[in-house]
């Protein structure tokens, strides 16, 4: 199995080259067609305060010209880097629509989206803060989120799958199969608090291991009890296991409940230390 089409969101952030390079590596490994999507930001409503010189008579026209030139520079850099990488099947898309809407729309014609973790650096410049969160619940495709810090080379060989028996974790597991099939170590990790009884019927761990084995993935299961928060425990186990990728379902509760109570998905997206492949 392969991800036949991979889409990467490109912008002017400092981590853009890291995100583009990861998308290119995954595209080569999966023999994928790579789409570089550059929303100009024209309809996001905000541009850097010092981008347009004072005294301009047509601020709207100057703003549009600035955003277009910035997007073209991003696209030019992407083309040069991709050409140097040896990847031959790729294309660029410059779009003027609202960033979230554009990523969702083009993402639905892809097998995997590569997005960046929000680090707050673009808050004042665009309206795409927490883009991954917004896209994940709308796009209907798996999303690979690249951390805002760290170096990630090669294709992940040691993968942790967060498994709680939910619909979202099942969708994520299925979506991640092309990545899991290329791994050498896969851990199906289930976490619970001491007060929670383990629901073996819900988890169906032996059945899930057999499901993976039939897809060529030899995995091991780990069911653990933790006194700390699930997200903190998950991040800790990822570190202990030396994992290079986390696979998990996103937002298994309503977004309203997530906003009020917080949630594992949000905390992972805020504190992630390795790339995370999510599905909703």
C-alpha atoms as a PDB file:
ATOM      1  CA  UNK A   1       0.000   0.000   0.000  1.00  0.00           C
ATOM      2  CA  UNK A   2       1.113   3.542  -0.746  1.00  0.00           C
ATOM      3  CA  UNK A   3      -0.073   7.068  -0.254  1.00  0.00           C
ATOM      4  CA  UNK A   4      -0.587   7.796  -3.948  1.00  0.00           C
ATOM      5  CA  UNK A   5      -0.983  11.555  -3.509  1.00  0.00           C
ATOM      6  CA  UNK A   6       0.574  13.617  -0.721  1.00  0.00           C
ATOM      7  CA  UNK A   7      -0.237  17.276  -0.199  1.00  0.00           C
ATOM      8  CA  UNK A   8       2.010  19.597   1.807  1.00  0.00           C
ATOM      9  CA  UNK A   9       0.927  23.014   3.032  1.00  0.00           C
ATOM     10  CA  UNK A  10       3.629  25.592   2.322  1.00  0.00           C
ATOM     11  CA  UNK A  11       4.019  29.004   3.920  1.00  0.00           C
ATOM     12  CA  UNK A  12       6.680  31.550   4.878  1.00  0.00           C
ATOM     13  CA  UNK A  13       7.376  30.131   8.350  1.00  0.00           C
ATOM     14  CA  UNK A  14      10.865  29.103   9.450  1.00  0.00           C
ATOM     15  CA  UNK A  15       9.841  25.417   9.564  1.00  0.00           C
ATOM     16  CA  UNK A  16       8.507  25.359   6.021  1.00  0.00           C
ATOM     17  CA  UNK A  17      11.674  23.752   4.527  1.00  0.00           C
ATOM     18  CA  UNK A  18      11.576  20.996   7.176  1.00  0.00           C
ATOM     19  CA  UNK A  19       7.928  20.254   6.400  1.00  0.00           C
ATOM     20  CA  UNK A  20       8.549  20.262   2.644  1.00  0.00           C
ATOM     21  CA  UNK A  21      11.562  17.960   3.010  1.00  0.00           C
ATOM     22  CA  UNK A  22       9.553  15.476   5.068  1.00  0.00           C
ATOM     23  CA  UNK A  23       6.775  15.472   2.495  1.00  0.00           C
ATOM     24  CA  UNK A  24       9.339  14.825  -0.238  1.00  0.00           C
ATOM     25  CA  UNK A  25      10.876  11.899   1.690  1.00  0.00           C
ATOM     26  CA  UNK A  26       7.487  10.311   2.256  1.00  0.00           C
ATOM     27  CA  UNK A  27       6.627  10.852  -1.415  1.00  0.00           C
ATOM     28  CA  UNK A  28       9.781   9.097  -2.564  1.00  0.00           C
ATOM     29  CA  UNK A  29       9.252   6.201  -0.150  1.00  0.00           C
ATOM     30  CA  UNK A  30       5.623   5.742  -1.186  1.00  0.00           C
ATOM     31  CA  UNK A  31       6.147   6.545  -4.881  1.00  0.00           C
ATOM     32  CA  UNK A  32       3.621   9.335  -4.493  1.00  0.00           C
ATOM     33  CA  UNK A  33       2.665  12.391  -6.471  1.00  0.00           C
ATOM     34  CA  UNK A  34       3.492  15.429  -4.308  1.00  0.00           C
ATOM     35  CA  UNK A  35       1.349  18.561  -4.334  1.00  0.00           C
ATOM     36  CA  UNK A  36       2.808  21.728  -2.843  1.00  0.00           C
ATOM     37  CA  UNK A  37      -0.073  24.011  -1.835  1.00  0.00           C
ATOM     38  CA  UNK A  38       0.686  27.688  -1.261  1.00  0.00           C
ATOM     39  CA  UNK A  39      -2.301  29.777  -0.135  1.00  0.00           C
ATOM     40  CA  UNK A  40      -1.397  33.406  -0.790  1.00  0.00           C
ATOM     41  CA  UNK A  41      -3.305  34.633   2.265  1.00  0.00           C
ATOM     42  CA  UNK A  42      -5.225  37.177   0.184  1.00  0.00           C
ATOM     43  CA  UNK A  43      -8.546  36.265   1.779  1.00  0.00           C
ATOM     44  CA  UNK A  44      -7.222  35.532   5.261  1.00  0.00           C
ATOM     45  CA  UNK A  45      -7.553  39.221   6.008  1.00  0.00           C
ATOM     46  CA  UNK A  46      -4.199  39.920   7.679  1.00  0.00           C
ATOM     47  CA  UNK A  47      -0.740  40.793   6.377  1.00  0.00           C
ATOM     48  CA  UNK A  48       2.397  41.853   8.276  1.00  0.00           C
ATOM     49  CA  UNK A  49       2.063  45.408   9.533  1.00  0.00           C
ATOM     50  CA  UNK A  50       5.348  46.525   7.965  1.00  0.00           C
ATOM     51  CA  UNK A  51       4.872  44.784   4.622  1.00  0.00           C
ATOM     52  CA  UNK A  52       3.387  47.796   2.832  1.00  0.00           C
ATOM     53  CA  UNK A  53       5.159  51.128   2.852  1.00  0.00           C
ATOM     54  CA  UNK A  54       3.276  54.029   4.387  1.00  0.00           C
ATOM     55  CA  UNK A  55       1.721  56.491   1.990  1.00  0.00           C
ATOM     56  CA  UNK A  56       0.558  53.937  -0.561  1.00  0.00           C
ATOM     57  CA  UNK A  57      -2.599  55.171  -2.228  1.00  0.00           C
ATOM     58  CA  UNK A  58      -4.005  51.761  -3.149  1.00  0.00           C
ATOM     59  CA  UNK A  59      -3.385  49.652  -0.080  1.00  0.00           C
ATOM     60  CA  UNK A  60      -5.539  46.730  -1.269  1.00  0.00           C
ATOM     61  CA  UNK A  61      -3.719  46.427  -4.579  1.00  0.00           C
ATOM     62  CA  UNK A  62      -0.329  46.735  -2.918  1.00  0.00           C
ATOM     63  CA  UNK A  63      -1.289  44.126  -0.319  1.00  0.00           C
ATOM     64  CA  UNK A  64      -2.438  41.677  -2.992  1.00  0.00           C
ATOM     65  CA  UNK A  65       0.787  42.224  -4.937  1.00  0.00           C
ATOM     66  CA  UNK A  66       2.905  41.660  -1.836  1.00  0.00           C
ATOM     67  CA  UNK A  67       1.095  38.414  -0.940  1.00  0.00           C
ATOM     68  CA  UNK A  68       1.339  37.119  -4.499  1.00  0.00           C
ATOM     69  CA  UNK A  69       5.073  37.828  -4.678  1.00  0.00           C
ATOM     70  CA  UNK A  70       5.616  36.149  -1.312  1.00  0.00           C
ATOM     71  CA  UNK A  71       3.702  33.037  -2.434  1.00  0.00           C
ATOM     72  CA  UNK A  72       5.657  32.883  -5.678  1.00  0.00           C
ATOM     73  CA  UNK A  73       8.938  33.045  -3.744  1.00  0.00           C
ATOM     74  CA  UNK A  74       7.796  30.150  -1.547  1.00  0.00           C
ATOM     75  CA  UNK A  75       6.798  28.164  -4.637  1.00  0.00           C
ATOM     76  CA  UNK A  76      10.137  28.886  -6.325  1.00  0.00           C
ATOM     77  CA  UNK A  77      12.099  27.654  -3.311  1.00  0.00           C
ATOM     78  CA  UNK A  78       9.944  24.508  -3.139  1.00  0.00           C
ATOM     79  CA  UNK A  79      10.522  23.713  -6.830  1.00  0.00           C
ATOM     80  CA  UNK A  80      14.276  24.112  -6.440  1.00  0.00           C
ATOM     81  CA  UNK A  81      14.413  21.899  -3.349  1.00  0.00           C
ATOM     82  CA  UNK A  82      12.214  19.200  -4.891  1.00  0.00           C
ATOM     83  CA  UNK A  83      14.224  19.175  -8.109  1.00  0.00           C
ATOM     84  CA  UNK A  84      17.412  18.743  -6.055  1.00  0.00           C
ATOM     85  CA  UNK A  85      15.840  15.859  -4.137  1.00  0.00           C
ATOM     86  CA  UNK A  86      15.287  13.868  -7.312  1.00  0.00           C
ATOM     87  CA  UNK A  87      11.516  13.588  -6.938  1.00  0.00           C
ATOM     88  CA  UNK A  88       9.952  13.731 -10.402  1.00  0.00           C
ATOM     89  CA  UNK A  89       6.193  13.586  -9.815  1.00  0.00           C
ATOM     90  CA  UNK A  90       5.117  16.848  -8.201  1.00  0.00           C
ATOM     91  CA  UNK A  91       3.226  20.062  -8.846  1.00  0.00           C
ATOM     92  CA  UNK A  92       2.645  23.485  -7.325  1.00  0.00           C
ATOM     93  CA  UNK A  93      -0.705  25.087  -6.560  1.00  0.00           C
ATOM     94  CA  UNK A  94      -0.968  28.801  -5.689  1.00  0.00           C
ATOM     95  CA  UNK A  95      -4.453  29.632  -4.423  1.00  0.00           C
ATOM     96  CA  UNK A  96      -6.038  32.870  -3.208  1.00  0.00           C
ATOM     97  CA  UNK A  97      -8.803  31.318  -1.099  1.00  0.00           C
ATOM     98  CA  UNK A  98      -9.002  31.281   2.679  1.00  0.00           C
ATOM     99  CA  UNK A  99      -6.135  29.075   3.845  1.00  0.00           C
ATOM    100  CA  UNK A 100      -8.160  26.567   5.866  1.00  0.00           C
ATOM    101  CA  UNK A 101     -10.747  26.191   3.098  1.00  0.00           C
ATOM    102  CA  UNK A 102      -8.057  25.765   0.436  1.00  0.00           C
ATOM    103  CA  UNK A 103      -6.170  23.093   2.400  1.00  0.00           C
ATOM    104  CA  UNK A 104      -9.402  21.190   3.058  1.00  0.00           C
ATOM    105  CA  UNK A 105     -10.587  21.425  -0.537  1.00  0.00           C
ATOM    106  CA  UNK A 106      -7.342  20.288  -2.152  1.00  0.00           C
ATOM    107  CA  UNK A 107      -6.636  17.879   0.689  1.00  0.00           C
ATOM    108  CA  UNK A 108      -9.688  15.843  -0.146  1.00  0.00           C
ATOM    109  CA  UNK A 109      -8.041  14.957  -3.460  1.00  0.00           C
ATOM    110  CA  UNK A 110      -5.039  13.567  -1.571  1.00  0.00           C
ATOM    111  CA  UNK A 111      -4.268  10.456   0.476  1.00  0.00           C
ATOM    112  CA  UNK A 112      -2.246  12.296   3.125  1.00  0.00           C
ATOM    113  CA  UNK A 113      -1.790  15.923   4.164  1.00  0.00           C
ATOM    114  CA  UNK A 114       1.451  17.214   5.675  1.00  0.00           C
ATOM    115  CA  UNK A 115       0.939  20.227   7.933  1.00  0.00           C
ATOM    116  CA  UNK A 116       3.007  22.033  10.540  1.00  0.00           C
ATOM    117  CA  UNK A 117       2.511  22.270  14.276  1.00  0.00           C
ATOM    118  CA  UNK A 118       1.502  25.753  15.315  1.00  0.00           C
ATOM    119  CA  UNK A 119       4.244  27.502  17.287  1.00  0.00           C
ATOM    120  CA  UNK A 120       2.581  30.898  17.519  1.00  0.00           C
ATOM    121  CA  UNK A 121       5.116  32.563  15.214  1.00  0.00           C
ATOM    122  CA  UNK A 122       2.531  33.399  12.554  1.00  0.00           C
ATOM    123  CA  UNK A 123      -0.324  34.485  14.811  1.00  0.00           C
ATOM    124  CA  UNK A 124      -0.025  38.146  13.895  1.00  0.00           C
ATOM    125  CA  UNK A 125       0.559  37.486  10.222  1.00  0.00           C
ATOM    126  CA  UNK A 126      -2.197  35.046   9.244  1.00  0.00           C
ATOM    127  CA  UNK A 127      -5.389  33.482  10.483  1.00  0.00           C
ATOM    128  CA  UNK A 128      -4.105  29.921  10.152  1.00  0.00           C
ATOM    129  CA  UNK A 129      -2.999  29.485  13.753  1.00  0.00           C
ATOM    130  CA  UNK A 130      -3.730  25.882  14.740  1.00  0.00           C
ATOM    131  CA  UNK A 131      -4.306  24.974  11.097  1.00  0.00           C
ATOM    132  CA  UNK A 132      -3.943  21.238  11.784  1.00  0.00           C
ATOM    133  CA  UNK A 133      -6.771  21.302  14.322  1.00  0.00           C
ATOM    134  CA  UNK A 134      -9.101  23.103  11.944  1.00  0.00           C
ATOM    135  CA  UNK A 135      -8.287  20.934   8.937  1.00  0.00           C
ATOM    136  CA  UNK A 136      -8.355  17.579  10.756  1.00  0.00           C
ATOM    137  CA  UNK A 137     -12.055  17.630  11.567  1.00  0.00           C
ATOM    138  CA  UNK A 138     -13.089  18.771   8.082  1.00  0.00           C
ATOM    139  CA  UNK A 139     -10.880  17.164   5.476  1.00  0.00           C
ATOM    140  CA  UNK A 140     -11.779  13.463   5.799  1.00  0.00           C
ATOM    141  CA  UNK A 141      -8.157  12.430   5.199  1.00  0.00           C
ATOM    142  CA  UNK A 142      -5.253  11.565   7.521  1.00  0.00           C
ATOM    143  CA  UNK A 143      -3.037  14.458   8.536  1.00  0.00           C
ATOM    144  CA  UNK A 144       0.685  14.197   9.282  1.00  0.00           C
ATOM    145  CA  UNK A 145       1.712  17.023  11.613  1.00  0.00           C
ATOM    146  CA  UNK A 146       5.386  18.012  11.731  1.00  0.00           C
ATOM    147  CA  UNK A 147       6.653  19.397  15.077  1.00  0.00           C
ATOM    148  CA  UNK A 148       7.795  23.009  15.286  1.00  0.00           C
ATOM    149  CA  UNK A 149      11.183  21.890  16.607  1.00  0.00           C
ATOM    150  CA  UNK A 150      13.489  18.947  16.044  1.00  0.00           C
ATOM    151  CA  UNK A 151      15.203  17.127  13.205  1.00  0.00           C
ATOM    152  CA  UNK A 152      13.394  14.224  11.546  1.00  0.00           C
ATOM    153  CA  UNK A 153      15.223  12.325   8.843  1.00  0.00           C
ATOM    154  CA  UNK A 154      14.311   9.231   6.919  1.00  0.00           C
ATOM    155  CA  UNK A 155      11.091   7.255   7.064  1.00  0.00           C
ATOM    156  CA  UNK A 156       9.891   6.272  10.573  1.00  0.00           C
ATOM    157  CA  UNK A 157      10.816   2.719  11.491  1.00  0.00           C
ATOM    158  CA  UNK A 158       9.653   2.765  15.110  1.00  0.00           C
ATOM    159  CA  UNK A 159       5.969   3.681  15.381  1.00  0.00           C
ATOM    160  CA  UNK A 160       3.577   3.879  18.306  1.00  0.00           C
ATOM    161  CA  UNK A 161      -0.153   3.542  17.659  1.00  0.00           C
ATOM    162  CA  UNK A 162      -2.377   4.967  20.404  1.00  0.00           C
ATOM    163  CA  UNK A 163      -5.213   2.460  20.663  1.00  0.00           C
ATOM    164  CA  UNK A 164      -8.388   2.898  22.741  1.00  0.00           C
ATOM    165  CA  UNK A 165     -10.856   0.914  20.635  1.00  0.00           C
ATOM    166  CA  UNK A 166     -12.658   4.044  19.437  1.00  0.00           C
ATOM    167  CA  UNK A 167     -13.890   4.762  15.946  1.00  0.00           C
ATOM    168  CA  UNK A 168     -11.240   7.460  15.538  1.00  0.00           C
ATOM    169  CA  UNK A 169      -8.362   5.213  16.579  1.00  0.00           C
ATOM    170  CA  UNK A 170      -9.602   2.531  14.148  1.00  0.00           C
ATOM    171  CA  UNK A 171      -9.754   5.086  11.329  1.00  0.00           C
ATOM    172  CA  UNK A 172      -6.239   6.293  12.159  1.00  0.00           C
ATOM    173  CA  UNK A 173      -4.888   2.742  12.270  1.00  0.00           C
ATOM    174  CA  UNK A 174      -6.339   1.973   8.863  1.00  0.00           C
ATOM    175  CA  UNK A 175      -5.093   5.254   7.394  1.00  0.00           C
ATOM    176  CA  UNK A 176      -1.572   4.661   8.691  1.00  0.00           C
ATOM    177  CA  UNK A 177      -1.156   1.175   7.178  1.00  0.00           C
ATOM    178  CA  UNK A 178       1.200   2.332   4.374  1.00  0.00           C
ATOM    179  CA  UNK A 179       3.513   3.811   7.023  1.00  0.00           C
ATOM    180  CA  UNK A 180       3.162   0.861   9.395  1.00  0.00           C
ATOM    181  CA  UNK A 181       4.074  -1.593   6.631  1.00  0.00           C
ATOM    182  CA  UNK A 182       7.446   0.135   6.255  1.00  0.00           C
ATOM    183  CA  UNK A 183       8.227   0.090   9.974  1.00  0.00           C
ATOM    184  CA  UNK A 184      10.374  -2.451  11.807  1.00  0.00           C
ATOM    185  CA  UNK A 185       8.849  -1.819  15.258  1.00  0.00           C
ATOM    186  CA  UNK A 186       5.147  -1.138  15.823  1.00  0.00           C
ATOM    187  CA  UNK A 187       3.629  -0.849  19.287  1.00  0.00           C
ATOM    188  CA  UNK A 188      -0.129  -0.870  19.839  1.00  0.00           C
ATOM    189  CA  UNK A 189      -0.302   1.156  23.045  1.00  0.00           C
ATOM    190  CA  UNK A 190      -3.354   1.322  25.321  1.00  0.00           C
ATOM    191  CA  UNK A 191      -3.372   3.572  28.393  1.00  0.00           C
ATOM    192  CA  UNK A 192      -5.858   3.873  31.228  1.00  0.00           C
ATOM    193  CA  UNK A 193      -6.148   5.332  34.711  1.00  0.00           C
ATOM    194  CA  UNK A 194      -6.247   3.077  37.820  1.00  0.00           C
ATOM    195  CA  UNK A 195      -9.939   3.840  38.348  1.00  0.00           C
ATOM    196  CA  UNK A 196     -10.809   2.731  34.822  1.00  0.00           C
ATOM    197  CA  UNK A 197     -11.480  -0.921  34.208  1.00  0.00           C
ATOM    198  CA  UNK A 198      -9.788  -2.372  31.156  1.00  0.00           C
ATOM    199  CA  UNK A 199     -12.451  -3.199  28.597  1.00  0.00           C
ATOM    200  CA  UNK A 200     -10.922  -6.123  26.713  1.00  0.00           C
ATOM    201  CA  UNK A 201     -14.020  -6.457  24.546  1.00  0.00           C
ATOM    202  CA  UNK A 202     -13.674  -2.838  23.420  1.00  0.00           C
ATOM    203  CA  UNK A 203      -9.929  -2.983  22.836  1.00  0.00           C
ATOM    204  CA  UNK A 204      -9.934  -6.379  21.054  1.00  0.00           C
ATOM    205  CA  UNK A 205      -6.153  -6.345  21.158  1.00  0.00           C
ATOM    206  CA  UNK A 206      -5.565  -9.922  19.870  1.00  0.00           C
ATOM    207  CA  UNK A 207      -7.932  -9.256  16.971  1.00  0.00           C
ATOM    208  CA  UNK A 208      -6.192  -5.968  16.124  1.00  0.00           C
ATOM    209  CA  UNK A 209      -2.792  -7.629  16.152  1.00  0.00           C
ATOM    210  CA  UNK A 210      -4.091 -10.256  13.756  1.00  0.00           C
ATOM    211  CA  UNK A 211      -5.627  -7.542  11.583  1.00  0.00           C
ATOM    212  CA  UNK A 212      -2.238  -5.847  11.350  1.00  0.00           C
ATOM    213  CA  UNK A 213      -0.448  -9.120  10.686  1.00  0.00           C
ATOM    214  CA  UNK A 214      -2.734  -9.832   7.734  1.00  0.00           C
ATOM    215  CA  UNK A 215      -1.598  -6.479   6.341  1.00  0.00           C
ATOM    216  CA  UNK A 216       2.051  -7.401   6.766  1.00  0.00           C
ATOM    217  CA  UNK A 217       2.569  -5.502  10.037  1.00  0.00           C
ATOM    218  CA  UNK A 218       4.063  -7.454  12.933  1.00  0.00           C
ATOM    219  CA  UNK A 219       3.132  -5.433  16.014  1.00  0.00           C
ATOM    220  CA  UNK A 220       3.300  -5.903  19.753  1.00  0.00           C
ATOM    221  CA  UNK A 221       0.713  -4.716  22.238  1.00  0.00           C
ATOM    222  CA  UNK A 222       1.264  -2.803  25.457  1.00  0.00           C
ATOM    223  CA  UNK A 223      -1.549  -2.050  27.908  1.00  0.00           C
ATOM    224  CA  UNK A 224      -0.499   0.211  30.755  1.00  0.00           C
ATOM    225  CA  UNK A 225      -1.975   1.932  33.802  1.00  0.00           C
ATOM    226  CA  UNK A 226      -0.943   5.504  34.493  1.00  0.00           C
ATOM    227  CA  UNK A 227      -1.514   7.937  37.347  1.00  0.00           C
ATOM    228  CA  UNK A 228      -0.843  10.995  35.171  1.00  0.00           C
ATOM    229  CA  UNK A 229      -2.840  12.429  32.292  1.00  0.00           C
ATOM    230  CA  UNK A 230      -3.220  10.240  29.204  1.00  0.00           C
ATOM    231  CA  UNK A 231      -1.490  12.739  26.923  1.00  0.00           C
ATOM    232  CA  UNK A 232       1.443  13.124  29.330  1.00  0.00           C
ATOM    233  CA  UNK A 233       1.738   9.349  29.657  1.00  0.00           C
ATOM    234  CA  UNK A 234       1.605   8.942  25.888  1.00  0.00           C
ATOM    235  CA  UNK A 235       4.349  11.518  25.344  1.00  0.00           C
ATOM    236  CA  UNK A 236       6.446   9.824  28.019  1.00  0.00           C
ATOM    237  CA  UNK A 237       6.077   6.361  26.473  1.00  0.00           C
ATOM    238  CA  UNK A 238       6.920   7.712  23.020  1.00  0.00           C
ATOM    239  CA  UNK A 239      10.189   8.973  24.459  1.00  0.00           C
ATOM    240  CA  UNK A 240      10.889   5.728  26.366  1.00  0.00           C
ATOM    241  CA  UNK A 241      10.307   3.629  23.269  1.00  0.00           C
ATOM    242  CA  UNK A 242      12.351   5.892  20.997  1.00  0.00           C
ATOM    243  CA  UNK A 243       9.380   6.178  18.644  1.00  0.00           C
ATOM    244  CA  UNK A 244       9.742   8.226  15.464  1.00  0.00           C
ATOM    245  CA  UNK A 245       6.023   8.565  14.721  1.00  0.00           C
ATOM    246  CA  UNK A 246       2.794   8.556  16.707  1.00  0.00           C
ATOM    247  CA  UNK A 247      -0.452   7.381  15.122  1.00  0.00           C
ATOM    248  CA  UNK A 248      -3.671   8.364  16.863  1.00  0.00           C
ATOM    249  CA  UNK A 249      -7.300   9.223  16.337  1.00  0.00           C
ATOM    250  CA  UNK A 250      -8.244  12.859  16.750  1.00  0.00           C
ATOM    251  CA  UNK A 251     -11.147  14.431  18.631  1.00  0.00           C
ATOM    252  CA  UNK A 252     -13.211  11.462  19.714  1.00  0.00           C
ATOM    253  CA  UNK A 253     -15.517  13.850  21.591  1.00  0.00           C
ATOM    254  CA  UNK A 254     -17.405  16.839  20.250  1.00  0.00           C
ATOM    255  CA  UNK A 255     -15.301  19.936  19.532  1.00  0.00           C
ATOM    256  CA  UNK A 256     -17.371  21.866  22.091  1.00  0.00           C
ATOM    257  CA  UNK A 257     -16.469  19.375  24.802  1.00  0.00           C
ATOM    258  CA  UNK A 258     -12.835  19.484  23.722  1.00  0.00           C
ATOM    259  CA  UNK A 259     -12.800  23.281  23.991  1.00  0.00           C
ATOM    260  CA  UNK A 260     -14.336  23.216  27.465  1.00  0.00           C
ATOM    261  CA  UNK A 261     -12.461  20.299  28.991  1.00  0.00           C
ATOM    262  CA  UNK A 262      -9.312  20.298  26.921  1.00  0.00           C
ATOM    263  CA  UNK A 263      -8.355  16.930  25.492  1.00  0.00           C
ATOM    264  CA  UNK A 264      -5.682  14.479  24.554  1.00  0.00           C
ATOM    265  CA  UNK A 265      -5.682  15.580  20.909  1.00  0.00           C
ATOM    266  CA  UNK A 266      -5.132  19.229  21.700  1.00  0.00           C
ATOM    267  CA  UNK A 267      -2.405  18.523  24.251  1.00  0.00           C
ATOM    268  CA  UNK A 268      -0.545  16.241  21.863  1.00  0.00           C
ATOM    269  CA  UNK A 269      -0.731  18.874  19.127  1.00  0.00           C
ATOM    270  CA  UNK A 270       0.647  21.453  21.547  1.00  0.00           C
ATOM    271  CA  UNK A 271       3.421  19.340  23.096  1.00  0.00           C
ATOM    272  CA  UNK A 272       4.318  16.810  20.388  1.00  0.00           C
ATOM    273  CA  UNK A 273       7.986  15.860  20.104  1.00  0.00           C
ATOM    274  CA  UNK A 274       7.732  13.541  17.080  1.00  0.00           C
ATOM    275  CA  UNK A 275       5.579  13.714  13.938  1.00  0.00           C
ATOM    276  CA  UNK A 276       1.981  12.675  14.556  1.00  0.00           C
ATOM    277  CA  UNK A 277      -0.322  11.043  12.019  1.00  0.00           C
ATOM    278  CA  UNK A 278      -3.936  11.754  12.949  1.00  0.00           C
ATOM    279  CA  UNK A 279      -7.304  10.846  11.508  1.00  0.00           C
ATOM    280  CA  UNK A 280     -10.804  11.837  12.576  1.00  0.00           C
END
